[in-house]
Amino acid sequence: MDGTKERVLNAVARRPKTIAHLAKELGLSQPTIHTHVNDMLKSELLCESAQVKKHPAENYYEPNFPVVTAAERAAFEPICKALE
């Protein structure tokens, strides 16, 4: 594996993106991104974003799981330790 799927996940974790946005950001062709996105939709790593609909011909994609940032983790860590 070349890490492209990981790069896609990292990109959409920041905010939902289209295939065109991902291709530009990652420096890859749209057909390459489309293949990876389709694979990730089938494996349920990605889903179509229900929050972002700017153009009917473009779908926005986001992770199909909660994303916890380092700052959020740091904020919750004391709470979790207190529950131990």
N, C-alpha and C. Protein backbone atom coordinates (compact mmCIF):
# COMPACT_ATOMS: atom_id res chain seq x y z
N MET A 1 0.85 -1.18 0.00
CA MET A 1 0.00 0.00 0.00
C MET A 1 0.90 1.24 0.00
N ASP A 2 0.50 2.24 -0.76
CA ASP A 2 1.34 3.43 -0.90
C ASP A 2 0.96 4.57 0.05
N GLY A 3 -0.02 4.37 0.89
CA GLY A 3 -0.40 5.41 1.86
C GLY A 3 -1.42 6.41 1.35
N THR A 4 -1.90 6.22 0.12
CA THR A 4 -2.85 7.19 -0.43
C THR A 4 -4.15 7.21 0.37
N LYS A 5 -4.64 6.06 0.76
CA LYS A 5 -5.90 6.03 1.53
C LYS A 5 -5.72 6.74 2.87
N GLU A 6 -4.57 6.57 3.49
CA GLU A 6 -4.29 7.29 4.74
C GLU A 6 -4.26 8.79 4.50
N ARG A 7 -3.67 9.21 3.41
CA ARG A 7 -3.62 10.63 3.08
C ARG A 7 -5.02 11.18 2.83
N VAL A 8 -5.87 10.39 2.16
CA VAL A 8 -7.26 10.81 1.91
C VAL A 8 -7.99 10.96 3.24
N LEU A 9 -7.84 9.97 4.12
CA LEU A 9 -8.50 10.05 5.43
C LEU A 9 -8.05 11.27 6.22
N ASN A 10 -6.75 11.53 6.22
CA ASN A 10 -6.23 12.71 6.93
C ASN A 10 -6.79 13.99 6.34
N ALA A 11 -6.93 14.05 5.03
CA ALA A 11 -7.44 15.27 4.38
C ALA A 11 -8.91 15.50 4.71
N VAL A 12 -9.72 14.45 4.67
CA VAL A 12 -11.16 14.63 4.93
C VAL A 12 -11.46 14.71 6.43
N ALA A 13 -10.53 14.31 7.26
CA ALA A 13 -10.73 14.44 8.71
C ALA A 13 -10.76 15.91 9.12
N ARG A 14 -10.03 16.75 8.39
CA ARG A 14 -10.01 18.19 8.69
C ARG A 14 -11.31 18.85 8.28
N ARG A 15 -11.84 18.46 7.11
CA ARG A 15 -13.15 18.94 6.65
C ARG A 15 -13.53 18.13 5.41
N PRO A 16 -14.82 17.96 5.16
CA PRO A 16 -15.27 17.19 3.99
C PRO A 16 -14.73 17.81 2.69
N LYS A 17 -14.41 16.92 1.75
CA LYS A 17 -13.85 17.37 0.47
C LYS A 17 -14.41 16.55 -0.68
N THR A 18 -14.36 17.13 -1.87
CA THR A 18 -14.76 16.44 -3.09
C THR A 18 -13.55 15.71 -3.66
N ILE A 19 -13.80 14.88 -4.66
CA ILE A 19 -12.71 14.19 -5.35
C ILE A 19 -11.77 15.21 -5.98
N ALA A 20 -12.34 16.27 -6.58
CA ALA A 20 -11.50 17.31 -7.21
C ALA A 20 -10.62 18.00 -6.17
N HIS A 21 -11.19 18.32 -4.99
CA HIS A 21 -10.40 18.95 -3.93
C HIS A 21 -9.28 18.03 -3.46
N LEU A 22 -9.60 16.75 -3.29
CA LEU A 22 -8.59 15.79 -2.83
C LEU A 22 -7.48 15.63 -3.86
N ALA A 23 -7.85 15.53 -5.13
CA ALA A 23 -6.84 15.38 -6.18
C ALA A 23 -5.88 16.56 -6.19
N LYS A 24 -6.42 17.76 -6.07
CA LYS A 24 -5.57 18.95 -6.07
C LYS A 24 -4.68 18.98 -4.83
N GLU A 25 -5.26 18.73 -3.66
CA GLU A 25 -4.51 18.79 -2.41
C GLU A 25 -3.41 17.72 -2.35
N LEU A 26 -3.71 16.52 -2.85
CA LEU A 26 -2.77 15.41 -2.74
C LEU A 26 -1.85 15.28 -3.97
N GLY A 27 -2.10 16.09 -5.00
CA GLY A 27 -1.26 16.05 -6.19
C GLY A 27 -1.41 14.76 -6.98
N LEU A 28 -2.63 14.23 -7.01
CA LEU A 28 -2.92 13.00 -7.75
C LEU A 28 -4.05 13.27 -8.74
N SER A 29 -4.22 12.35 -9.70
CA SER A 29 -5.28 12.54 -10.69
C SER A 29 -6.65 12.24 -10.06
N GLN A 30 -7.68 12.83 -10.64
CA GLN A 30 -9.03 12.58 -10.16
C GLN A 30 -9.43 11.11 -10.31
N PRO A 31 -9.06 10.43 -11.41
CA PRO A 31 -9.39 9.00 -11.50
C PRO A 31 -8.73 8.16 -10.39
N THR A 32 -7.51 8.51 -10.02
CA THR A 32 -6.83 7.80 -8.94
C THR A 32 -7.56 8.01 -7.63
N ILE A 33 -7.91 9.26 -7.34
CA ILE A 33 -8.65 9.56 -6.10
C ILE A 33 -10.01 8.88 -6.12
N HIS A 34 -10.68 8.90 -7.26
CA HIS A 34 -12.00 8.27 -7.39
C HIS A 34 -11.91 6.78 -7.04
N THR A 35 -10.89 6.10 -7.52
CA THR A 35 -10.70 4.68 -7.23
C THR A 35 -10.54 4.46 -5.73
N HIS A 36 -9.70 5.26 -5.10
CA HIS A 36 -9.47 5.12 -3.66
C HIS A 36 -10.73 5.45 -2.86
N VAL A 37 -11.42 6.50 -3.25
CA VAL A 37 -12.65 6.89 -2.54
C VAL A 37 -13.69 5.78 -2.66
N ASN A 38 -13.86 5.21 -3.85
CA ASN A 38 -14.82 4.11 -4.02
C ASN A 38 -14.46 2.92 -3.14
N ASP A 39 -13.18 2.56 -3.09
CA ASP A 39 -12.73 1.47 -2.22
C ASP A 39 -13.06 1.79 -0.76
N MET A 40 -12.83 3.03 -0.36
CA MET A 40 -13.05 3.43 1.03
C MET A 40 -14.54 3.53 1.36
N LEU A 41 -15.37 3.85 0.39
CA LEU A 41 -16.82 3.82 0.60
C LEU A 41 -17.29 2.39 0.80
N LYS A 42 -16.78 1.47 -0.03
CA LYS A 42 -17.16 0.05 0.09
C LYS A 42 -16.75 -0.54 1.42
N SER A 43 -15.59 -0.14 1.93
CA SER A 43 -15.11 -0.67 3.21
C SER A 43 -15.62 0.16 4.39
N GLU A 44 -16.47 1.15 4.10
CA GLU A 44 -17.11 2.00 5.10
C GLU A 44 -16.14 2.87 5.91
N LEU A 45 -15.00 3.18 5.32
CA LEU A 45 -14.08 4.13 5.95
C LEU A 45 -14.54 5.57 5.69
N LEU A 46 -15.17 5.78 4.54
CA LEU A 46 -15.70 7.11 4.17
C LEU A 46 -17.20 7.01 3.97
N CYS A 47 -17.84 8.17 4.06
CA CYS A 47 -19.25 8.29 3.71
C CYS A 47 -19.45 9.64 3.04
N GLU A 48 -20.57 9.77 2.34
CA GLU A 48 -20.90 11.08 1.76
C GLU A 48 -21.32 11.99 2.90
N SER A 49 -20.86 13.21 2.85
CA SER A 49 -21.17 14.18 3.90
C SER A 49 -22.61 14.65 3.75
N ALA A 50 -23.35 14.55 4.84
CA ALA A 50 -24.72 15.06 4.84
C ALA A 50 -24.73 16.55 5.15
N GLN A 51 -23.62 17.06 5.68
CA GLN A 51 -23.54 18.46 6.11
C GLN A 51 -23.23 19.40 4.96
N VAL A 52 -22.51 18.93 3.95
CA VAL A 52 -22.04 19.82 2.88
C VAL A 52 -22.66 19.40 1.55
N LYS A 53 -23.44 20.26 0.96
CA LYS A 53 -24.00 20.04 -0.37
C LYS A 53 -23.94 21.36 -1.11
N LYS A 54 -22.90 21.53 -1.92
CA LYS A 54 -22.74 22.80 -2.62
C LYS A 54 -23.16 22.70 -4.08
N HIS A 55 -23.02 21.52 -4.67
CA HIS A 55 -23.34 21.34 -6.07
C HIS A 55 -23.87 19.93 -6.26
N PRO A 56 -24.98 19.75 -6.95
CA PRO A 56 -25.57 18.42 -7.07
C PRO A 56 -24.68 17.40 -7.77
N ALA A 57 -23.74 17.84 -8.59
CA ALA A 57 -22.87 16.92 -9.31
C ALA A 57 -21.62 16.54 -8.51
N GLU A 58 -21.38 17.19 -7.39
CA GLU A 58 -20.20 16.91 -6.59
C GLU A 58 -20.60 16.40 -5.21
N ASN A 59 -20.02 15.28 -4.83
CA ASN A 59 -20.24 14.75 -3.50
C ASN A 59 -19.05 15.11 -2.61
N TYR A 60 -19.35 15.45 -1.38
CA TYR A 60 -18.32 15.70 -0.39
C TYR A 60 -18.21 14.45 0.48
N TYR A 61 -16.98 14.09 0.83
CA TYR A 61 -16.73 12.89 1.60
C TYR A 61 -16.10 13.24 2.94
N GLU A 62 -16.40 12.40 3.94
CA GLU A 62 -15.86 12.58 5.27
C GLU A 62 -15.65 11.20 5.89
N PRO A 63 -14.88 11.13 6.99
CA PRO A 63 -14.69 9.83 7.64
C PRO A 63 -16.04 9.29 8.15
N ASN A 64 -16.16 7.98 8.13
CA ASN A 64 -17.38 7.33 8.60
C ASN A 64 -17.22 6.87 10.04
N PHE A 65 -16.44 7.63 10.80
CA PHE A 65 -16.18 7.33 12.21
C PHE A 65 -15.80 8.63 12.90
N PRO A 66 -15.94 8.69 14.21
CA PRO A 66 -15.57 9.92 14.92
C PRO A 66 -14.07 10.17 14.85
N VAL A 67 -13.71 11.42 14.69
CA VAL A 67 -12.30 11.82 14.67
C VAL A 67 -12.04 12.63 15.93
N VAL A 68 -11.06 12.20 16.72
CA VAL A 68 -10.68 12.90 17.95
C VAL A 68 -9.32 13.53 17.71
N THR A 69 -9.26 14.85 17.80
CA THR A 69 -7.99 15.55 17.61
C THR A 69 -7.12 15.44 18.85
N ALA A 70 -5.86 15.76 18.71
CA ALA A 70 -4.94 15.72 19.84
C ALA A 70 -5.39 16.67 20.95
N ALA A 71 -5.90 17.83 20.58
CA ALA A 71 -6.38 18.80 21.57
C ALA A 71 -7.59 18.26 22.32
N GLU A 72 -8.50 17.60 21.60
CA GLU A 72 -9.67 17.00 22.25
C GLU A 72 -9.25 15.87 23.19
N ARG A 73 -8.28 15.08 22.74
CA ARG A 73 -7.78 13.99 23.59
C ARG A 73 -7.17 14.55 24.86
N ALA A 74 -6.40 15.60 24.73
CA ALA A 74 -5.77 16.22 25.91
C ALA A 74 -6.83 16.76 26.88
N ALA A 75 -7.92 17.28 26.35
CA ALA A 75 -8.98 17.80 27.20
C ALA A 75 -9.71 16.69 27.94
N PHE A 76 -9.86 15.53 27.32
CA PHE A 76 -10.56 14.42 27.94
C PHE A 76 -9.69 13.55 28.84
N GLU A 77 -8.40 13.61 28.64
CA GLU A 77 -7.50 12.74 29.40
C GLU A 77 -7.66 12.89 30.92
N PRO A 78 -7.70 14.10 31.47
CA PRO A 78 -7.88 14.22 32.93
C PRO A 78 -9.21 13.61 33.42
N ILE A 79 -10.24 13.75 32.63
CA ILE A 79 -11.54 13.18 32.98
C ILE A 79 -11.46 11.66 33.04
N CYS A 80 -10.82 11.07 32.02
CA CYS A 80 -10.67 9.62 31.97
C CYS A 80 -9.82 9.10 33.13
N LYS A 81 -8.76 9.81 33.46
CA LYS A 81 -7.92 9.40 34.60
C LYS A 81 -8.69 9.47 35.92
N ALA A 82 -9.55 10.45 36.05
CA ALA A 82 -10.35 10.59 37.26
C ALA A 82 -11.34 9.44 37.42
N LEU A 83 -11.73 8.84 36.31
CA LEU A 83 -12.68 7.74 36.36
C LEU A 83 -12.02 6.39 36.66
N GLU A 84 -10.71 6.33 36.65
CA GLU A 84 -10.00 5.07 36.90
C GLU A 84 -10.16 4.58 38.30
